[in-house]
PDB file of all heavy atoms in Angstrom:
ATOM      1  N   VAL A   1       2.025 -10.191  -6.739  1.00  0.00           N
ATOM      2  CA  VAL A   1       2.505 -11.187  -5.628  1.00  0.00           C
ATOM      3  C   VAL A   1       3.950 -11.004  -5.308  1.00  0.00           C
ATOM      4  O   VAL A   1       4.811 -11.101  -6.234  1.00  0.00           O
ATOM      5  CB  VAL A   1       2.209 -12.647  -6.139  1.00  0.00           C
ATOM      6  CG1 VAL A   1       2.733 -13.599  -5.066  1.00  0.00           C
ATOM      7  CG2 VAL A   1       0.762 -12.951  -6.395  1.00  0.00           C
ATOM      8  N   ASP A   2       4.224 -10.553  -4.104  1.00  0.00           N
ATOM      9  CA  ASP A   2       5.508 -10.251  -3.707  1.00  0.00           C
ATOM     10  C   ASP A   2       6.160  -9.267  -4.606  1.00  0.00           C
ATOM     11  O   ASP A   2       7.409  -9.272  -4.989  1.00  0.00           O
ATOM     12  CB  ASP A   2       6.363 -11.479  -3.741  1.00  0.00           C
ATOM     13  CG  ASP A   2       5.996 -12.536  -2.628  1.00  0.00           C
ATOM     14  OD1 ASP A   2       5.439 -12.162  -1.662  1.00  0.00           O
ATOM     15  OD2 ASP A   2       6.130 -13.744  -2.863  1.00  0.00           O
ATOM     16  N   GLY A   3       5.375  -8.296  -5.060  1.00  0.00           N
ATOM     17  CA  GLY A   3       5.894  -7.115  -5.804  1.00  0.00           C
ATOM     18  C   GLY A   3       6.035  -7.456  -7.336  1.00  0.00           C
ATOM     19  O   GLY A   3       6.421  -6.634  -8.071  1.00  0.00           O
ATOM     20  N   ILE A   4       5.660  -8.643  -7.718  1.00  0.00           N
ATOM     21  CA  ILE A   4       5.732  -9.074  -9.046  1.00  0.00           C
ATOM     22  C   ILE A   4       4.322  -9.103  -9.755  1.00  0.00           C
ATOM     23  O   ILE A   4       3.356  -9.699  -9.166  1.00  0.00           O
ATOM     24  CB  ILE A   4       6.477 -10.416  -9.311  1.00  0.00           C
ATOM     25  CG1 ILE A   4       7.876 -10.371  -8.634  1.00  0.00           C
ATOM     26  CG2 ILE A   4       6.471 -10.848 -10.698  1.00  0.00           C
ATOM     27  CD1 ILE A   4       8.514 -11.684  -8.623  1.00  0.00           C
ATOM     28  N   THR A   5       4.208  -8.584 -10.954  1.00  0.00           N
ATOM     29  CA  THR A   5       2.810  -8.492 -11.533  1.00  0.00           C
ATOM     30  C   THR A   5       2.523  -9.892 -12.095  1.00  0.00           C
ATOM     31  O   THR A   5       3.379 -10.518 -12.723  1.00  0.00           O
ATOM     32  CB  THR A   5       2.970  -7.495 -12.776  1.00  0.00           C
ATOM     33  OG1 THR A   5       3.286  -6.245 -12.307  1.00  0.00           O
ATOM     34  CG2 THR A   5       1.577  -7.452 -13.484  1.00  0.00           C
ATOM     35  N   VAL A   6       1.332 -10.320 -11.732  1.00  0.00           N
ATOM     36  CA  VAL A   6       0.882 -11.613 -12.169  1.00  0.00           C
ATOM     37  C   VAL A   6      -0.278 -11.542 -13.099  1.00  0.00           C
ATOM     38  O   VAL A   6      -0.671 -12.456 -13.849  1.00  0.00           O
ATOM     39  CB  VAL A   6       0.493 -12.539 -10.975  1.00  0.00           C
ATOM     40  CG1 VAL A   6       1.779 -12.833 -10.166  1.00  0.00           C
ATOM     41  CG2 VAL A   6      -0.654 -11.853 -10.063  1.00  0.00           C
ATOM     42  N   SER A   7      -0.990 -10.378 -13.157  1.00  0.00           N
ATOM     43  CA  SER A   7      -2.138 -10.137 -14.030  1.00  0.00           C
ATOM     44  C   SER A   7      -2.420  -8.761 -14.182  1.00  0.00           C
ATOM     45  O   SER A   7      -2.303  -8.019 -13.208  1.00  0.00           O
ATOM     46  CB  SER A   7      -3.334 -11.045 -13.630  1.00  0.00           C
ATOM     47  OG  SER A   7      -4.432 -10.864 -14.491  1.00  0.00           O
ATOM     48  N   GLY A   8      -2.882  -8.406 -15.393  1.00  0.00           N
ATOM     49  CA  GLY A   8      -3.344  -6.976 -15.572  1.00  0.00           C
ATOM     50  C   GLY A   8      -4.851  -6.904 -15.689  1.00  0.00           C
ATOM     51  O   GLY A   8      -5.400  -5.922 -16.016  1.00  0.00           O
ATOM     52  N   SER A   9      -5.482  -8.087 -15.483  1.00  0.00           N
ATOM     53  CA  SER A   9      -6.940  -8.147 -15.662  1.00  0.00           C
ATOM     54  C   SER A   9      -7.632  -8.011 -14.253  1.00  0.00           C
ATOM     55  O   SER A   9      -7.167  -8.757 -13.353  1.00  0.00           O
ATOM     56  CB  SER A   9      -7.350  -9.462 -16.325  1.00  0.00           C
ATOM     57  OG  SER A   9      -8.778  -9.616 -16.243  1.00  0.00           O
ATOM     58  N   ALA A  10      -8.668  -7.225 -14.205  1.00  0.00           N
ATOM     59  CA  ALA A  10      -9.227  -7.092 -12.888  1.00  0.00           C
ATOM     60  C   ALA A  10      -9.950  -8.340 -12.393  1.00  0.00           C
ATOM     61  O   ALA A  10     -10.120  -8.649 -11.334  1.00  0.00           O
ATOM     62  CB  ALA A  10     -10.356  -5.976 -12.934  1.00  0.00           C
ATOM     63  N   ASN A  11     -10.350  -9.166 -13.408  1.00  0.00           N
ATOM     64  CA  ASN A  11     -10.948 -10.556 -13.149  1.00  0.00           C
ATOM     65  C   ASN A  11      -9.858 -11.521 -13.320  1.00  0.00           C
ATOM     66  O   ASN A  11      -9.475 -11.960 -14.494  1.00  0.00           O
ATOM     67  CB  ASN A  11     -12.143 -10.831 -14.059  1.00  0.00           C
ATOM     68  CG  ASN A  11     -12.800 -11.979 -13.677  1.00  0.00           C
ATOM     69  OD1 ASN A  11     -12.400 -12.735 -12.758  1.00  0.00           O
ATOM     70  ND2 ASN A  11     -13.972 -12.243 -14.324  1.00  0.00           N
ATOM     71  N   TYR A  12      -9.150 -11.999 -12.211  1.00  0.00           N
ATOM     72  CA  TYR A  12      -7.959 -12.798 -12.315  1.00  0.00           C
ATOM     73  C   TYR A  12      -8.340 -14.245 -11.826  1.00  0.00           C
ATOM     74  O   TYR A  12      -8.748 -14.453 -10.657  1.00  0.00           O
ATOM     75  CB  TYR A  12      -6.856 -12.243 -11.439  1.00  0.00           C
ATOM     76  CG  TYR A  12      -5.587 -13.118 -11.398  1.00  0.00           C
ATOM     77  CD1 TYR A  12      -5.116 -13.757 -12.520  1.00  0.00           C
ATOM     78  CD2 TYR A  12      -4.877 -13.087 -10.224  1.00  0.00           C
ATOM     79  CE1 TYR A  12      -3.979 -14.535 -12.487  1.00  0.00           C
ATOM     80  CE2 TYR A  12      -3.740 -13.825 -10.172  1.00  0.00           C
ATOM     81  CZ  TYR A  12      -3.222 -14.563 -11.320  1.00  0.00           C
ATOM     82  OH  TYR A  12      -2.113 -15.315 -11.178  1.00  0.00           O
ATOM     83  N   ASN A  13      -8.215 -15.266 -12.693  1.00  0.00           N
ATOM     84  CA  ASN A  13      -8.487 -16.648 -12.304  1.00  0.00           C
ATOM     85  C   ASN A  13      -7.242 -17.489 -12.424  1.00  0.00           C
ATOM     86  O   ASN A  13      -6.444 -17.309 -13.270  1.00  0.00           O
ATOM     87  CB  ASN A  13      -9.606 -17.250 -13.312  1.00  0.00           C
ATOM     88  CG  ASN A  13     -10.815 -16.537 -13.269  1.00  0.00           C
ATOM     89  OD1 ASN A  13     -11.225 -15.867 -12.378  1.00  0.00           O
ATOM     90  ND2 ASN A  13     -11.581 -16.619 -14.438  1.00  0.00           N
ATOM     91  N   PHE A  14      -7.043 -18.415 -11.380  1.00  0.00           N
ATOM     92  CA  PHE A  14      -5.965 -19.258 -11.382  1.00  0.00           C
ATOM     93  C   PHE A  14      -6.239 -20.358 -10.385  1.00  0.00           C
ATOM     94  O   PHE A  14      -7.181 -20.457  -9.585  1.00  0.00           O
ATOM     95  CB  PHE A  14      -4.640 -18.509 -10.820  1.00  0.00           C
ATOM     96  CG  PHE A  14      -4.761 -17.938  -9.472  1.00  0.00           C
ATOM     97  CD1 PHE A  14      -4.339 -18.698  -8.301  1.00  0.00           C
ATOM     98  CD2 PHE A  14      -5.327 -16.705  -9.168  1.00  0.00           C
ATOM     99  CE1 PHE A  14      -4.486 -18.193  -7.032  1.00  0.00           C
ATOM    100  CE2 PHE A  14      -5.453 -16.217  -7.934  1.00  0.00           C
ATOM    101  CZ  PHE A  14      -5.050 -16.960  -6.781  1.00  0.00           C
ATOM    102  N   ALA A  15      -5.350 -21.505 -10.555  1.00  0.00           N
ATOM    103  CA  ALA A  15      -5.555 -22.742  -9.750  1.00  0.00           C
ATOM    104  C   ALA A  15      -4.854 -22.636  -8.500  1.00  0.00           C
ATOM    105  O   ALA A  15      -3.657 -22.284  -8.497  1.00  0.00           O
ATOM    106  CB  ALA A  15      -5.130 -23.938 -10.605  1.00  0.00           C
ATOM    107  N   ALA A  16      -5.554 -22.951  -7.401  1.00  0.00           N
ATOM    108  CA  ALA A  16      -4.781 -22.919  -6.070  1.00  0.00           C
ATOM    109  C   ALA A  16      -3.817 -24.010  -5.849  1.00  0.00           C
ATOM    110  O   ALA A  16      -4.055 -25.136  -6.159  1.00  0.00           O
ATOM    111  CB  ALA A  16      -5.957 -22.930  -4.934  1.00  0.00           C
ATOM    112  N   ASP A  17      -2.633 -23.671  -5.437  1.00  0.00           N
ATOM    113  CA  ASP A  17      -1.522 -24.642  -5.191  1.00  0.00           C
ATOM    114  C   ASP A  17      -0.659 -24.243  -3.998  1.00  0.00           C
ATOM    115  O   ASP A  17       0.278 -25.041  -3.708  1.00  0.00           O
ATOM    116  CB  ASP A  17      -0.720 -24.942  -6.416  1.00  0.00           C
ATOM    117  CG  ASP A  17       0.025 -23.644  -6.953  1.00  0.00           C
ATOM    118  OD1 ASP A  17      -0.158 -22.642  -6.286  1.00  0.00           O
ATOM    119  OD2 ASP A  17       0.650 -23.808  -7.927  1.00  0.00           O
ATOM    120  N   ALA A  18      -0.943 -23.229  -3.305  1.00  0.00           N
ATOM    121  CA  ALA A  18      -0.223 -22.738  -2.116  1.00  0.00           C
ATOM    122  C   ALA A  18      -0.905 -21.562  -1.457  1.00  0.00           C
ATOM    123  O   ALA A  18      -1.803 -21.012  -2.136  1.00  0.00           O
ATOM    124  CB  ALA A  18       1.215 -22.241  -2.653  1.00  0.00           C
ATOM    125  N   ASP A  19      -0.570 -21.312  -0.208  1.00  0.00           N
ATOM    126  CA  ASP A  19      -1.091 -20.048   0.354  1.00  0.00           C
ATOM    127  C   ASP A  19      -0.514 -18.939  -0.393  1.00  0.00           C
ATOM    128  O   ASP A  19       0.593 -18.930  -0.887  1.00  0.00           O
ATOM    129  CB  ASP A  19      -0.576 -20.022   1.837  1.00  0.00           C
ATOM    130  CG  ASP A  19      -1.211 -21.077   2.666  1.00  0.00           C
ATOM    131  OD1 ASP A  19      -2.311 -21.553   2.307  1.00  0.00           O
ATOM    132  OD2 ASP A  19      -0.714 -21.446   3.864  1.00  0.00           O
ATOM    133  N   LEU A  20      -1.456 -17.891  -0.630  1.00  0.00           N
ATOM    134  CA  LEU A  20      -0.977 -16.784  -1.517  1.00  0.00           C
ATOM    135  C   LEU A  20      -1.677 -15.462  -0.933  1.00  0.00           C
ATOM    136  O   LEU A  20      -2.857 -15.460  -0.597  1.00  0.00           O
ATOM    137  CB  LEU A  20      -1.392 -17.086  -2.894  1.00  0.00           C
ATOM    138  CG  LEU A  20      -0.690 -16.310  -3.998  1.00  0.00           C
ATOM    139  CD1 LEU A  20       0.781 -16.652  -3.942  1.00  0.00           C
ATOM    140  CD2 LEU A  20      -1.263 -16.716  -5.367  1.00  0.00           C
ATOM    141  N   HIS A  21      -0.882 -14.435  -0.884  1.00  0.00           N
ATOM    142  CA  HIS A  21      -1.423 -13.117  -0.668  1.00  0.00           C
ATOM    143  C   HIS A  21      -1.183 -12.145  -1.938  1.00  0.00           C
ATOM    144  O   HIS A  21      -0.017 -12.125  -2.388  1.00  0.00           O
ATOM    145  CB  HIS A  21      -0.810 -12.454   0.504  1.00  0.00           C
ATOM    146  CG  HIS A  21      -1.316 -11.105   0.806  1.00  0.00           C
ATOM    147  ND1 HIS A  21      -2.599 -10.885   1.442  1.00  0.00           N
ATOM    148  CD2 HIS A  21      -0.774  -9.846   0.576  1.00  0.00           C
ATOM    149  CE1 HIS A  21      -2.732  -9.600   1.475  1.00  0.00           C
ATOM    150  NE2 HIS A  21      -1.731  -8.922   1.045  1.00  0.00           N
ATOM    151  N   LEU A  22      -2.260 -11.644  -2.457  1.00  0.00           N
ATOM    152  CA  LEU A  22      -2.147 -10.760  -3.688  1.00  0.00           C
ATOM    153  C   LEU A  22      -2.508  -9.400  -3.238  1.00  0.00           C
ATOM    154  O   LEU A  22      -3.217  -9.026  -2.308  1.00  0.00           O
ATOM    155  CB  LEU A  22      -3.104 -11.274  -4.760  1.00  0.00           C
ATOM    156  CG  LEU A  22      -2.815 -12.684  -5.248  1.00  0.00           C
ATOM    157  CD1 LEU A  22      -3.812 -13.663  -4.580  1.00  0.00           C
ATOM    158  CD2 LEU A  22      -2.938 -12.753  -6.702  1.00  0.00           C
ATOM    159  N   VAL A  23      -1.961  -8.445  -3.987  1.00  0.00           N
ATOM    160  CA  VAL A  23      -2.196  -7.068  -3.876  1.00  0.00           C
ATOM    161  C   VAL A  23      -2.902  -6.553  -5.210  1.00  0.00           C
ATOM    162  O   VAL A  23      -2.425  -6.754  -6.248  1.00  0.00           O
ATOM    163  CB  VAL A  23      -0.922  -6.237  -3.597  1.00  0.00           C
ATOM    164  CG1 VAL A  23      -1.178  -4.774  -3.625  1.00  0.00           C
ATOM    165  CG2 VAL A  23      -0.292  -6.634  -2.299  1.00  0.00           C
ATOM    166  N   ALA A  24      -4.070  -5.899  -4.938  1.00  0.00           N
ATOM    167  CA  ALA A  24      -4.783  -5.263  -6.118  1.00  0.00           C
ATOM    168  C   ALA A  24      -4.356  -3.776  -6.043  1.00  0.00           C
ATOM    169  O   ALA A  24      -4.609  -3.019  -5.263  1.00  0.00           O
ATOM    170  CB  ALA A  24      -6.242  -5.403  -5.960  1.00  0.00           C
ATOM    171  N   ARG A  25      -3.550  -3.423  -7.078  1.00  0.00           N
ATOM    172  CA  ARG A  25      -3.043  -2.093  -7.177  1.00  0.00           C
ATOM    173  C   ARG A  25      -3.981  -1.218  -8.079  1.00  0.00           C
ATOM    174  O   ARG A  25      -4.316  -1.616  -9.172  1.00  0.00           O
ATOM    175  CB  ARG A  25      -1.711  -2.048  -7.739  1.00  0.00           C
ATOM    176  CG  ARG A  25      -1.022  -0.598  -7.865  1.00  0.00           C
ATOM    177  CD  ARG A  25       0.318  -0.649  -8.277  1.00  0.00           C
ATOM    178  NE  ARG A  25       1.221  -1.130  -7.167  1.00  0.00           N
ATOM    179  CZ  ARG A  25       2.573  -1.356  -7.389  1.00  0.00           C
ATOM    180  NH1 ARG A  25       3.050  -1.223  -8.601  1.00  0.00           N
ATOM    181  NH2 ARG A  25       3.243  -1.721  -6.327  1.00  0.00           N
ATOM    182  N   PHE A  26      -4.393  -0.051  -7.570  1.00  0.00           N
ATOM    183  CA  PHE A  26      -5.140   0.865  -8.381  1.00  0.00           C
ATOM    184  C   PHE A  26      -4.377   2.222  -8.433  1.00  0.00           C
ATOM    185  O   PHE A  26      -3.430   2.455  -7.711  1.00  0.00           O
ATOM    186  CB  PHE A  26      -6.527   1.161  -7.626  1.00  0.00           C
ATOM    187  CG  PHE A  26      -7.376  -0.070  -7.445  1.00  0.00           C
ATOM    188  CD1 PHE A  26      -7.186  -0.921  -6.342  1.00  0.00           C
ATOM    189  CD2 PHE A  26      -8.416  -0.328  -8.376  1.00  0.00           C
ATOM    190  CE1 PHE A  26      -8.075  -2.018  -6.213  1.00  0.00           C
ATOM    191  CE2 PHE A  26      -9.225  -1.363  -8.162  1.00  0.00           C
ATOM    192  CZ  PHE A  26      -9.005  -2.222  -7.084  1.00  0.00           C
ATOM    193  N   SER A  27      -4.828   3.000  -9.440  1.00  0.00           N
ATOM    194  CA  SER A  27      -4.286   4.411  -9.582  1.00  0.00           C
ATOM    195  C   SER A  27      -5.399   5.406  -9.644  1.00  0.00           C
ATOM    196  O   SER A  27      -6.532   4.995 -10.116  1.00  0.00           O
ATOM    197  CB  SER A  27      -3.325   4.438 -10.712  1.00  0.00           C
ATOM    198  OG  SER A  27      -3.938   4.164 -11.893  1.00  0.00           O
ATOM    199  N   VAL A  28      -5.159   6.633  -9.414  1.00  0.00           N
ATOM    200  CA  VAL A  28      -6.204   7.683  -9.505  1.00  0.00           C
ATOM    201  C   VAL A  28      -6.559   7.705 -11.061  1.00  0.00           C
ATOM    202  O   VAL A  28      -5.666   7.765 -11.891  1.00  0.00           O
ATOM    203  CB  VAL A  28      -5.619   8.962  -9.099  1.00  0.00           C
ATOM    204  CG1 VAL A  28      -6.739  10.097  -9.306  1.00  0.00           C
ATOM    205  CG2 VAL A  28      -5.365   8.940  -7.561  1.00  0.00           C
ATOM    206  N   GLN A  29      -7.802   7.821 -11.328  1.00  0.00           N
ATOM    207  CA  GLN A  29      -8.324   7.900 -12.725  1.00  0.00           C
ATOM    208  C   GLN A  29      -7.898   9.075 -13.381  1.00  0.00           C
ATOM    209  O   GLN A  29      -7.836  10.185 -12.886  1.00  0.00           O
ATOM    210  CB  GLN A  29      -9.874   7.807 -12.674  1.00  0.00           C
ATOM    211  CG  GLN A  29     -10.505   7.581 -14.033  1.00  0.00           C
ATOM    212  CD  GLN A  29     -11.981   7.467 -13.849  1.00  0.00           C
ATOM    213  OE1 GLN A  29     -12.534   7.689 -12.857  1.00  0.00           O
ATOM    214  NE2 GLN A  29     -12.590   7.151 -15.034  1.00  0.00           N
ATOM    215  N   SER A  30      -7.438   8.898 -14.559  1.00  0.00           N
ATOM    216  CA  SER A  30      -6.989  10.037 -15.512  1.00  0.00           C
ATOM    217  C   SER A  30      -8.123  10.369 -16.454  1.00  0.00           C
ATOM    218  O   SER A  30      -8.599   9.533 -17.167  1.00  0.00           O
ATOM    219  CB  SER A  30      -5.695   9.672 -16.259  1.00  0.00           C
ATOM    220  OG  SER A  30      -5.259  10.741 -17.109  1.00  0.00           O
ATOM    221  N   LEU A  31      -8.432  11.692 -16.472  1.00  0.00           N
ATOM    222  CA  LEU A  31      -9.539  12.228 -17.276  1.00  0.00           C
ATOM    223  C   LEU A  31      -8.992  13.292 -18.272  1.00  0.00           C
ATOM    224  O   LEU A  31      -8.119  13.994 -17.951  1.00  0.00           O
ATOM    225  CB  LEU A  31     -10.679  12.738 -16.332  1.00  0.00           C
ATOM    226  CG  LEU A  31     -11.243  11.783 -15.467  1.00  0.00           C
ATOM    227  CD1 LEU A  31     -12.238  12.526 -14.436  1.00  0.00           C
ATOM    228  CD2 LEU A  31     -11.997  10.595 -16.062  1.00  0.00           C
ATOM    229  N   ASP A  32      -9.699  13.356 -19.415  1.00  0.00           N
ATOM    230  CA  ASP A  32      -9.249  14.289 -20.456  1.00  0.00           C
ATOM    231  C   ASP A  32     -10.179  15.476 -20.377  1.00  0.00           C
ATOM    232  O   ASP A  32     -11.412  15.379 -20.400  1.00  0.00           O
ATOM    233  CB  ASP A  32      -9.281  13.638 -21.792  1.00  0.00           C
ATOM    234  CG  ASP A  32      -8.158  12.537 -22.035  1.00  0.00           C
ATOM    235  OD1 ASP A  32      -7.180  12.755 -21.327  1.00  0.00           O
ATOM    236  OD2 ASP A  32      -8.513  11.621 -22.654  1.00  0.00           O
ATOM    237  N   VAL A  33      -9.582  16.692 -20.510  1.00  0.00           N
ATOM    238  CA  VAL A  33     -10.239  17.897 -20.697  1.00  0.00           C
ATOM    239  C   VAL A  33      -9.913  18.453 -22.091  1.00  0.00           C
ATOM    240  O   VAL A  33      -8.747  18.809 -22.275  1.00  0.00           O
ATOM    241  CB  VAL A  33      -9.897  18.934 -19.647  1.00  0.00           C
ATOM    242  CG1 VAL A  33     -10.645  20.250 -19.855  1.00  0.00           C
ATOM    243  CG2 VAL A  33     -10.392  18.469 -18.188  1.00  0.00           C
ATOM    244  N   THR A  34     -10.907  18.395 -22.946  1.00  0.00           N
ATOM    245  CA  THR A  34     -10.608  18.733 -24.403  1.00  0.00           C
ATOM    246  C   THR A  34     -11.206  20.216 -24.586  1.00  0.00           C
ATOM    247  O   THR A  34     -12.338  20.484 -24.160  1.00  0.00           O
ATOM    248  CB  THR A  34     -11.297  17.765 -25.293  1.00  0.00           C
ATOM    249  OG1 THR A  34     -10.811  16.445 -25.076  1.00  0.00           O
ATOM    250  CG2 THR A  34     -11.039  18.155 -26.775  1.00  0.00           C
ATOM    251  N   THR A  35     -10.489  21.082 -25.146  1.00  0.00           N
ATOM    252  CA  THR A  35     -10.992  22.396 -25.422  1.00  0.00           C
ATOM    253  C   THR A  35     -11.067  22.775 -26.926  1.00  0.00           C
ATOM    254  O   THR A  35     -10.340  22.187 -27.778  1.00  0.00           O
ATOM    255  CB  THR A  35      -9.934  23.392 -24.804  1.00  0.00           C
ATOM    256  OG1 THR A  35      -8.654  23.268 -25.433  1.00  0.00           O
ATOM    257  CG2 THR A  35      -9.765  23.279 -23.290  1.00  0.00           C
ATOM    258  N   ILE A  36     -12.151  23.583 -27.261  1.00  0.00           N
ATOM    259  CA  ILE A  36     -12.455  23.910 -28.626  1.00  0.00           C
ATOM    260  C   ILE A  36     -12.629  25.436 -28.647  1.00  0.00           C
ATOM    261  O   ILE A  36     -13.322  25.998 -27.737  1.00  0.00           O
ATOM    262  CB  ILE A  36     -13.729  23.211 -29.113  1.00  0.00           C
ATOM    263  CG1 ILE A  36     -13.467  21.724 -29.073  1.00  0.00           C
ATOM    264  CG2 ILE A  36     -14.082  23.741 -30.443  1.00  0.00           C
ATOM    265  CD1 ILE A  36     -14.685  20.842 -29.407  1.00  0.00           C
ATOM    266  N   VAL A  37     -12.048  26.042 -29.592  1.00  0.00           N
ATOM    267  CA  VAL A  37     -12.230  27.488 -29.843  1.00  0.00           C
ATOM    268  C   VAL A  37     -13.410  27.699 -30.863  1.00  0.00           C
ATOM    269  O   VAL A  37     -13.445  27.052 -31.955  1.00  0.00           O
ATOM    270  CB  VAL A  37     -10.954  28.104 -30.437  1.00  0.00           C
ATOM    271  CG1 VAL A  37     -11.166  29.567 -30.907  1.00  0.00           C
ATOM    272  CG2 VAL A  37      -9.838  28.070 -29.419  1.00  0.00           C
ATOM    273  N   ASN A  38     -14.333  28.464 -30.561  1.00  0.00           N
ATOM    274  CA  ASN A  38     -15.516  28.776 -31.463  1.00  0.00           C
ATOM    275  C   ASN A  38     -15.625  30.237 -31.575  1.00  0.00           C
ATOM    276  O   ASN A  38     -15.894  30.904 -30.662  1.00  0.00           O
ATOM    277  CB  ASN A  38     -16.705  28.118 -30.938  1.00  0.00           C
ATOM    278  CG  ASN A  38     -17.986  28.400 -31.790  1.00  0.00           C
ATOM    279  OD1 ASN A  38     -17.847  28.269 -32.941  1.00  0.00           O
ATOM    280  ND2 ASN A  38     -19.063  28.692 -31.152  1.00  0.00           N
ATOM    281  N   PRO A  39     -15.593  30.716 -32.834  1.00  0.00           N
ATOM    282  CA  PRO A  39     -15.226  30.022 -34.086  1.00  0.00           C
ATOM    283  C   PRO A  39     -13.809  29.750 -34.120  1.00  0.00           C
ATOM    284  O   PRO A  39     -12.955  30.325 -33.419  1.00  0.00           O
ATOM    285  CB  PRO A  39     -15.704  31.039 -35.138  1.00  0.00           C
ATOM    286  CG  PRO A  39     -15.566  32.343 -34.559  1.00  0.00           C
ATOM    287  CD  PRO A  39     -15.915  32.202 -33.172  1.00  0.00           C
ATOM    288  N   VAL A  40     -13.353  28.840 -35.110  1.00  0.00           N
ATOM    289  CA  VAL A  40     -11.911  28.473 -35.170  1.00  0.00           C
ATOM    290  C   VAL A  40     -11.121  29.744 -35.547  1.00  0.00           C
ATOM    291  O   VAL A  40     -11.527  30.557 -36.395  1.00  0.00           O
ATOM    292  CB  VAL A  40     -11.846  27.483 -36.255  1.00  0.00           C
ATOM    293  CG1 VAL A  40     -10.227  27.232 -36.526  1.00  0.00           C
ATOM    294  CG2 VAL A  40     -12.541  26.124 -35.950  1.00  0.00           C
ATOM    295  N   GLY A  41     -10.007  29.839 -34.819  1.00  0.00           N
ATOM    296  CA  GLY A  41      -9.116  30.941 -35.039  1.00  0.00           C
ATOM    297  C   GLY A  41      -9.392  32.263 -34.261  1.00  0.00           C
ATOM    298  O   GLY A  41      -8.735  33.244 -34.336  1.00  0.00           O
TER     299      GLY A  41
END
């Protein structure tokens, strides 16, 4: 909200007390590529 983090949970609950515009920020998913040598060494 106005550039300030108000929650890190995708499911965000709060009580309404004013007009409000929120931004849901996402980032590109980070994936792991694990490598194994067979046989070891």
